[in-house]
N, C-alpha and C. Protein backbone atom coordinates (compact mmCIF):
# COMPACT_ATOMS: atom_id res chain seq x y z
N UNK A 1 21.49 17.66 -19.14
CA UNK A 1 20.83 17.05 -18.02
C UNK A 1 20.02 15.86 -18.51
N UNK A 2 20.14 14.75 -17.82
CA UNK A 2 19.43 13.53 -18.18
C UNK A 2 18.41 13.19 -17.11
N UNK A 3 17.15 13.03 -17.52
CA UNK A 3 16.11 12.63 -16.57
C UNK A 3 15.98 11.12 -16.64
N UNK A 4 16.12 10.47 -15.50
CA UNK A 4 16.13 9.02 -15.44
C UNK A 4 14.73 8.45 -15.22
N UNK A 5 13.95 9.12 -14.40
CA UNK A 5 12.65 8.59 -14.03
C UNK A 5 11.65 9.74 -13.88
N UNK A 6 10.44 9.53 -14.37
CA UNK A 6 9.40 10.55 -14.23
C UNK A 6 8.25 9.93 -13.44
N UNK A 7 7.88 10.59 -12.35
CA UNK A 7 6.81 10.12 -11.48
C UNK A 7 5.77 11.23 -11.33
N UNK A 8 4.51 10.87 -11.47
CA UNK A 8 3.43 11.80 -11.21
C UNK A 8 2.84 11.51 -9.84
N UNK A 9 2.07 12.44 -9.33
CA UNK A 9 1.37 12.18 -8.09
C UNK A 9 0.07 12.97 -8.05
N UNK A 10 -0.85 12.45 -7.28
CA UNK A 10 -2.08 13.17 -6.98
C UNK A 10 -2.24 13.21 -5.47
N UNK A 11 -2.88 14.26 -5.00
CA UNK A 11 -3.14 14.43 -3.57
C UNK A 11 -4.64 14.51 -3.35
N UNK A 12 -5.05 14.07 -2.18
CA UNK A 12 -6.46 14.09 -1.83
C UNK A 12 -6.58 14.17 -0.32
N UNK A 13 -7.45 15.03 0.17
CA UNK A 13 -7.72 15.14 1.60
C UNK A 13 -9.14 14.68 1.86
N UNK A 14 -9.31 13.79 2.85
CA UNK A 14 -10.64 13.31 3.19
C UNK A 14 -10.81 13.31 4.71
N UNK A 15 -12.01 13.65 5.14
CA UNK A 15 -12.32 13.51 6.56
C UNK A 15 -12.53 12.03 6.84
N UNK A 16 -11.98 11.59 7.97
CA UNK A 16 -12.13 10.19 8.31
C UNK A 16 -11.96 9.95 9.79
N UNK A 17 -12.28 8.73 10.18
CA UNK A 17 -12.23 8.31 11.57
C UNK A 17 -11.49 6.99 11.68
N UNK A 18 -10.75 6.85 12.77
CA UNK A 18 -10.13 5.57 13.06
C UNK A 18 -9.85 5.51 14.55
N UNK A 19 -9.29 4.38 14.98
CA UNK A 19 -8.91 4.20 16.38
C UNK A 19 -7.69 3.29 16.42
N UNK A 20 -7.02 3.29 17.56
CA UNK A 20 -5.88 2.40 17.78
C UNK A 20 -6.22 1.58 19.02
N UNK A 21 -6.88 0.45 18.77
CA UNK A 21 -7.39 -0.37 19.87
C UNK A 21 -6.28 -0.95 20.74
N UNK A 22 -5.09 -1.13 20.19
CA UNK A 22 -4.01 -1.80 20.91
C UNK A 22 -2.96 -0.84 21.47
N UNK A 23 -3.38 0.36 21.86
CA UNK A 23 -2.43 1.28 22.49
C UNK A 23 -1.87 0.60 23.74
N UNK A 24 -0.56 0.47 23.83
CA UNK A 24 0.02 -0.19 25.01
C UNK A 24 -0.23 0.61 26.30
N UNK A 25 -0.39 -0.10 27.38
CA UNK A 25 -0.62 0.53 28.68
C UNK A 25 0.54 1.44 29.09
N UNK A 26 1.74 1.14 28.61
CA UNK A 26 2.89 1.97 28.99
C UNK A 26 2.90 3.32 28.26
N UNK A 27 1.86 3.58 27.46
CA UNK A 27 1.71 4.86 26.78
C UNK A 27 0.45 5.56 27.27
N UNK A 28 0.35 5.85 28.55
CA UNK A 28 -0.90 6.41 29.08
C UNK A 28 -1.27 7.77 28.48
N UNK A 29 -0.29 8.49 27.98
CA UNK A 29 -0.57 9.81 27.41
C UNK A 29 -1.33 9.75 26.09
N UNK A 30 -1.42 8.56 25.48
CA UNK A 30 -2.16 8.44 24.22
C UNK A 30 -3.25 7.37 24.29
N UNK A 31 -3.66 6.98 25.47
CA UNK A 31 -4.72 5.99 25.60
C UNK A 31 -6.03 6.45 24.96
N UNK A 32 -6.21 7.76 24.83
CA UNK A 32 -7.42 8.29 24.19
C UNK A 32 -7.54 7.83 22.74
N UNK A 33 -6.43 7.40 22.13
CA UNK A 33 -6.46 6.96 20.73
C UNK A 33 -7.20 5.63 20.55
N UNK A 34 -7.50 4.95 21.65
CA UNK A 34 -8.29 3.73 21.57
C UNK A 34 -9.72 4.02 21.10
N UNK A 35 -10.17 5.23 21.34
CA UNK A 35 -11.52 5.62 20.94
C UNK A 35 -11.52 6.16 19.51
N UNK A 36 -12.62 5.96 18.84
CA UNK A 36 -12.79 6.49 17.48
C UNK A 36 -12.58 8.00 17.51
N UNK A 37 -11.74 8.50 16.62
CA UNK A 37 -11.47 9.93 16.57
C UNK A 37 -11.26 10.37 15.12
N UNK A 38 -11.41 11.66 14.91
CA UNK A 38 -11.41 12.24 13.57
C UNK A 38 -10.05 12.81 13.20
N UNK A 39 -9.74 12.69 11.92
CA UNK A 39 -8.57 13.35 11.32
C UNK A 39 -8.95 13.82 9.93
N UNK A 40 -8.19 14.73 9.41
CA UNK A 40 -8.20 15.02 7.99
C UNK A 40 -7.06 14.17 7.42
N UNK A 41 -7.42 13.08 6.75
CA UNK A 41 -6.41 12.17 6.19
C UNK A 41 -5.94 12.74 4.86
N UNK A 42 -4.65 12.87 4.73
CA UNK A 42 -4.04 13.40 3.51
C UNK A 42 -3.41 12.24 2.75
N UNK A 43 -3.84 12.05 1.51
CA UNK A 43 -3.30 11.00 0.66
C UNK A 43 -2.44 11.64 -0.42
N UNK A 44 -1.33 10.99 -0.72
CA UNK A 44 -0.50 11.38 -1.85
C UNK A 44 -0.09 10.07 -2.53
N UNK A 45 -0.58 9.88 -3.74
CA UNK A 45 -0.34 8.65 -4.48
C UNK A 45 0.57 8.94 -5.66
N UNK A 46 1.68 8.24 -5.71
CA UNK A 46 2.67 8.40 -6.78
C UNK A 46 2.49 7.29 -7.81
N UNK A 47 2.78 7.60 -9.06
CA UNK A 47 2.69 6.61 -10.13
C UNK A 47 3.72 6.96 -11.20
N UNK A 48 4.18 5.93 -11.88
CA UNK A 48 5.20 6.10 -12.91
C UNK A 48 4.60 6.67 -14.17
N UNK A 49 5.31 7.62 -14.76
CA UNK A 49 4.96 8.16 -16.07
C UNK A 49 6.02 7.68 -17.04
N UNK A 50 5.58 7.10 -18.13
CA UNK A 50 6.52 6.55 -19.09
C UNK A 50 7.16 7.62 -19.96
N UNK A 51 6.47 8.70 -20.16
CA UNK A 51 6.98 9.76 -21.01
C UNK A 51 6.91 11.08 -20.29
N UNK A 52 7.08 12.13 -21.04
CA UNK A 52 7.11 13.45 -20.45
C UNK A 52 6.01 14.35 -21.03
N UNK A 53 4.92 13.70 -21.43
CA UNK A 53 3.80 14.45 -21.99
C UNK A 53 2.50 14.02 -21.31
N UNK A 54 2.57 13.74 -20.06
CA UNK A 54 1.45 13.39 -19.20
C UNK A 54 0.47 12.41 -19.83
N UNK A 55 0.88 11.15 -19.95
CA UNK A 55 -0.05 10.16 -20.48
C UNK A 55 -1.12 9.78 -19.47
N UNK A 56 -0.95 10.18 -18.23
CA UNK A 56 -1.98 10.01 -17.20
C UNK A 56 -2.48 11.40 -16.81
N UNK A 57 -3.76 11.63 -16.95
CA UNK A 57 -4.32 12.93 -16.55
C UNK A 57 -4.53 12.92 -15.04
N UNK A 58 -4.01 13.91 -14.36
CA UNK A 58 -4.05 13.97 -12.91
C UNK A 58 -5.48 13.92 -12.36
N UNK A 59 -6.40 14.65 -12.98
CA UNK A 59 -7.79 14.65 -12.52
C UNK A 59 -8.39 13.25 -12.59
N UNK A 60 -8.05 12.51 -13.63
CA UNK A 60 -8.56 11.15 -13.81
C UNK A 60 -8.00 10.23 -12.74
N UNK A 61 -6.71 10.34 -12.47
CA UNK A 61 -6.10 9.49 -11.45
C UNK A 61 -6.67 9.82 -10.07
N UNK A 62 -6.89 11.09 -9.80
CA UNK A 62 -7.47 11.48 -8.52
C UNK A 62 -8.89 10.92 -8.38
N UNK A 63 -9.66 10.95 -9.45
CA UNK A 63 -11.01 10.36 -9.44
C UNK A 63 -10.93 8.86 -9.16
N UNK A 64 -9.96 8.19 -9.78
CA UNK A 64 -9.78 6.76 -9.54
C UNK A 64 -9.42 6.50 -8.08
N UNK A 65 -8.60 7.35 -7.49
CA UNK A 65 -8.25 7.20 -6.08
C UNK A 65 -9.50 7.32 -5.21
N UNK A 66 -10.36 8.27 -5.50
CA UNK A 66 -11.61 8.43 -4.76
C UNK A 66 -12.45 7.16 -4.87
N UNK A 67 -12.50 6.57 -6.05
CA UNK A 67 -13.26 5.35 -6.26
C UNK A 67 -12.67 4.19 -5.47
N UNK A 68 -11.34 4.11 -5.40
CA UNK A 68 -10.67 3.06 -4.62
C UNK A 68 -11.02 3.21 -3.15
N UNK A 69 -10.95 4.43 -2.63
CA UNK A 69 -11.29 4.65 -1.22
C UNK A 69 -12.74 4.29 -0.93
N UNK A 70 -13.64 4.65 -1.85
CA UNK A 70 -15.06 4.33 -1.67
C UNK A 70 -15.28 2.82 -1.68
N UNK A 71 -14.50 2.10 -2.48
CA UNK A 71 -14.63 0.65 -2.55
C UNK A 71 -14.07 -0.02 -1.29
N UNK A 72 -12.91 0.45 -0.82
CA UNK A 72 -12.22 -0.21 0.29
C UNK A 72 -12.81 0.09 1.67
N UNK A 73 -13.38 1.29 1.84
CA UNK A 73 -13.77 1.73 3.18
C UNK A 73 -15.20 2.27 3.18
N UNK A 74 -15.96 1.94 4.21
CA UNK A 74 -17.32 2.47 4.29
C UNK A 74 -17.31 3.96 4.63
N UNK A 75 -18.33 4.63 4.18
CA UNK A 75 -18.48 6.05 4.47
C UNK A 75 -19.58 6.24 5.50
N UNK A 76 -19.41 7.24 6.32
CA UNK A 76 -20.46 7.67 7.24
C UNK A 76 -20.86 9.08 6.83
N UNK A 77 -21.90 9.62 7.41
CA UNK A 77 -22.28 11.00 7.05
C UNK A 77 -21.17 12.02 7.33
N UNK A 78 -20.25 11.68 8.23
CA UNK A 78 -19.19 12.62 8.61
C UNK A 78 -17.86 12.36 7.90
N UNK A 79 -17.70 11.21 7.27
CA UNK A 79 -16.43 10.93 6.61
C UNK A 79 -16.24 9.44 6.39
N UNK A 80 -15.03 9.08 6.03
CA UNK A 80 -14.69 7.68 5.76
C UNK A 80 -14.37 6.99 7.08
N UNK A 81 -14.80 5.75 7.21
CA UNK A 81 -14.54 4.95 8.40
C UNK A 81 -13.38 4.00 8.12
N UNK A 82 -12.23 4.27 8.73
CA UNK A 82 -11.05 3.43 8.54
C UNK A 82 -10.89 2.37 9.62
N UNK A 83 -11.84 2.31 10.56
CA UNK A 83 -11.79 1.30 11.61
C UNK A 83 -10.56 1.45 12.48
N UNK A 84 -9.87 0.34 12.73
CA UNK A 84 -8.68 0.39 13.57
C UNK A 84 -7.39 0.40 12.75
N UNK A 85 -7.50 0.85 11.50
CA UNK A 85 -6.32 0.88 10.63
C UNK A 85 -5.44 2.09 10.92
N UNK A 86 -4.15 1.85 10.89
CA UNK A 86 -3.15 2.91 11.01
C UNK A 86 -2.92 3.54 9.64
N UNK A 87 -2.19 4.64 9.62
CA UNK A 87 -1.81 5.26 8.34
C UNK A 87 -1.03 4.26 7.49
N UNK A 88 -0.15 3.48 8.14
CA UNK A 88 0.65 2.49 7.42
C UNK A 88 -0.23 1.45 6.74
N UNK A 89 -1.23 0.97 7.48
CA UNK A 89 -2.12 -0.05 6.94
C UNK A 89 -2.98 0.49 5.80
N UNK A 90 -3.49 1.70 5.97
CA UNK A 90 -4.30 2.31 4.92
C UNK A 90 -3.46 2.49 3.66
N UNK A 91 -2.23 3.00 3.82
CA UNK A 91 -1.35 3.19 2.66
C UNK A 91 -1.07 1.87 1.97
N UNK A 92 -0.83 0.81 2.74
CA UNK A 92 -0.57 -0.51 2.16
C UNK A 92 -1.77 -1.01 1.38
N UNK A 93 -2.97 -0.88 1.95
CA UNK A 93 -4.17 -1.36 1.26
C UNK A 93 -4.42 -0.59 -0.03
N UNK A 94 -4.22 0.72 0.00
CA UNK A 94 -4.40 1.51 -1.23
C UNK A 94 -3.36 1.10 -2.26
N UNK A 95 -2.12 0.93 -1.83
CA UNK A 95 -1.05 0.53 -2.75
C UNK A 95 -1.36 -0.83 -3.38
N UNK A 96 -1.83 -1.78 -2.58
CA UNK A 96 -2.14 -3.12 -3.09
C UNK A 96 -3.31 -3.11 -4.06
N UNK A 97 -4.30 -2.26 -3.82
CA UNK A 97 -5.49 -2.27 -4.65
C UNK A 97 -5.39 -1.34 -5.85
N UNK A 98 -4.75 -0.22 -5.68
CA UNK A 98 -4.63 0.79 -6.75
C UNK A 98 -3.37 0.46 -7.54
N UNK A 99 -3.52 -0.40 -8.52
CA UNK A 99 -2.39 -1.02 -9.21
C UNK A 99 -1.42 -0.05 -9.87
N UNK A 100 -1.88 1.13 -10.26
CA UNK A 100 -0.96 2.04 -10.95
C UNK A 100 -0.05 2.78 -9.97
N UNK A 101 -0.33 2.70 -8.66
CA UNK A 101 0.49 3.44 -7.71
C UNK A 101 1.80 2.71 -7.43
N UNK A 102 2.84 3.50 -7.19
CA UNK A 102 4.15 2.96 -6.84
C UNK A 102 4.53 3.32 -5.41
N UNK A 103 3.88 4.34 -4.89
CA UNK A 103 4.14 4.79 -3.52
C UNK A 103 2.90 5.52 -3.03
N UNK A 104 2.52 5.26 -1.79
CA UNK A 104 1.35 5.90 -1.20
C UNK A 104 1.74 6.50 0.15
N UNK A 105 1.41 7.77 0.32
CA UNK A 105 1.63 8.46 1.58
C UNK A 105 0.27 8.75 2.21
N UNK A 106 0.15 8.48 3.50
CA UNK A 106 -1.06 8.82 4.23
C UNK A 106 -0.63 9.52 5.51
N UNK A 107 -1.19 10.69 5.74
CA UNK A 107 -0.88 11.41 6.97
C UNK A 107 -2.16 11.89 7.63
N UNK A 108 -2.03 12.19 8.91
CA UNK A 108 -3.14 12.70 9.70
C UNK A 108 -2.95 14.19 9.90
N UNK A 109 -3.90 14.95 9.42
CA UNK A 109 -3.91 16.39 9.63
C UNK A 109 -2.66 17.08 9.08
N UNK A 110 -2.02 16.46 8.08
CA UNK A 110 -0.83 17.04 7.47
C UNK A 110 0.38 17.06 8.38
N UNK A 111 0.34 16.29 9.47
CA UNK A 111 1.44 16.34 10.43
C UNK A 111 2.26 15.05 10.48
N UNK A 112 1.60 13.95 10.73
CA UNK A 112 2.29 12.68 10.95
C UNK A 112 1.69 11.63 10.05
N UNK A 113 2.52 10.73 9.56
CA UNK A 113 1.98 9.72 8.68
C UNK A 113 3.00 8.67 8.30
N UNK A 114 2.69 7.97 7.22
CA UNK A 114 3.52 6.87 6.77
C UNK A 114 3.58 6.87 5.25
N UNK A 115 4.65 6.28 4.75
CA UNK A 115 4.84 6.09 3.31
C UNK A 115 5.08 4.60 3.08
N UNK A 116 4.32 4.05 2.16
CA UNK A 116 4.50 2.64 1.77
C UNK A 116 4.84 2.65 0.28
N UNK A 117 5.91 1.95 -0.06
CA UNK A 117 6.41 1.98 -1.43
C UNK A 117 6.61 0.58 -1.97
N UNK A 118 6.22 0.36 -3.21
CA UNK A 118 6.47 -0.92 -3.87
C UNK A 118 7.97 -1.03 -4.16
N UNK A 119 8.57 -2.14 -3.82
CA UNK A 119 10.00 -2.34 -4.08
C UNK A 119 10.23 -3.58 -4.89
């Protein structure tokens, strides 16, 4: 068996708030999303491993992810404030700023989300 590529990942769950200010009128069943609301945002950040002896320690990468989130987004007493950003936008911003990541997944409450990948 030949292994072609080795990728590590770290996961992190954070309480956060966001809104979707531009909900179209033709979607009346989700107009409530225009208001700030809470989710448990689930992050999964993938990164390339050059070898097979874990040259990146997962705890260290997870700590770096926490630092990136703290830098990019303000915190409130209840959680992180993502403003009007979607899961797609949050994933893109983390991917652009967290240089070691190759793919970022962001989901709401472990149900729905987006994956942004460097190509």
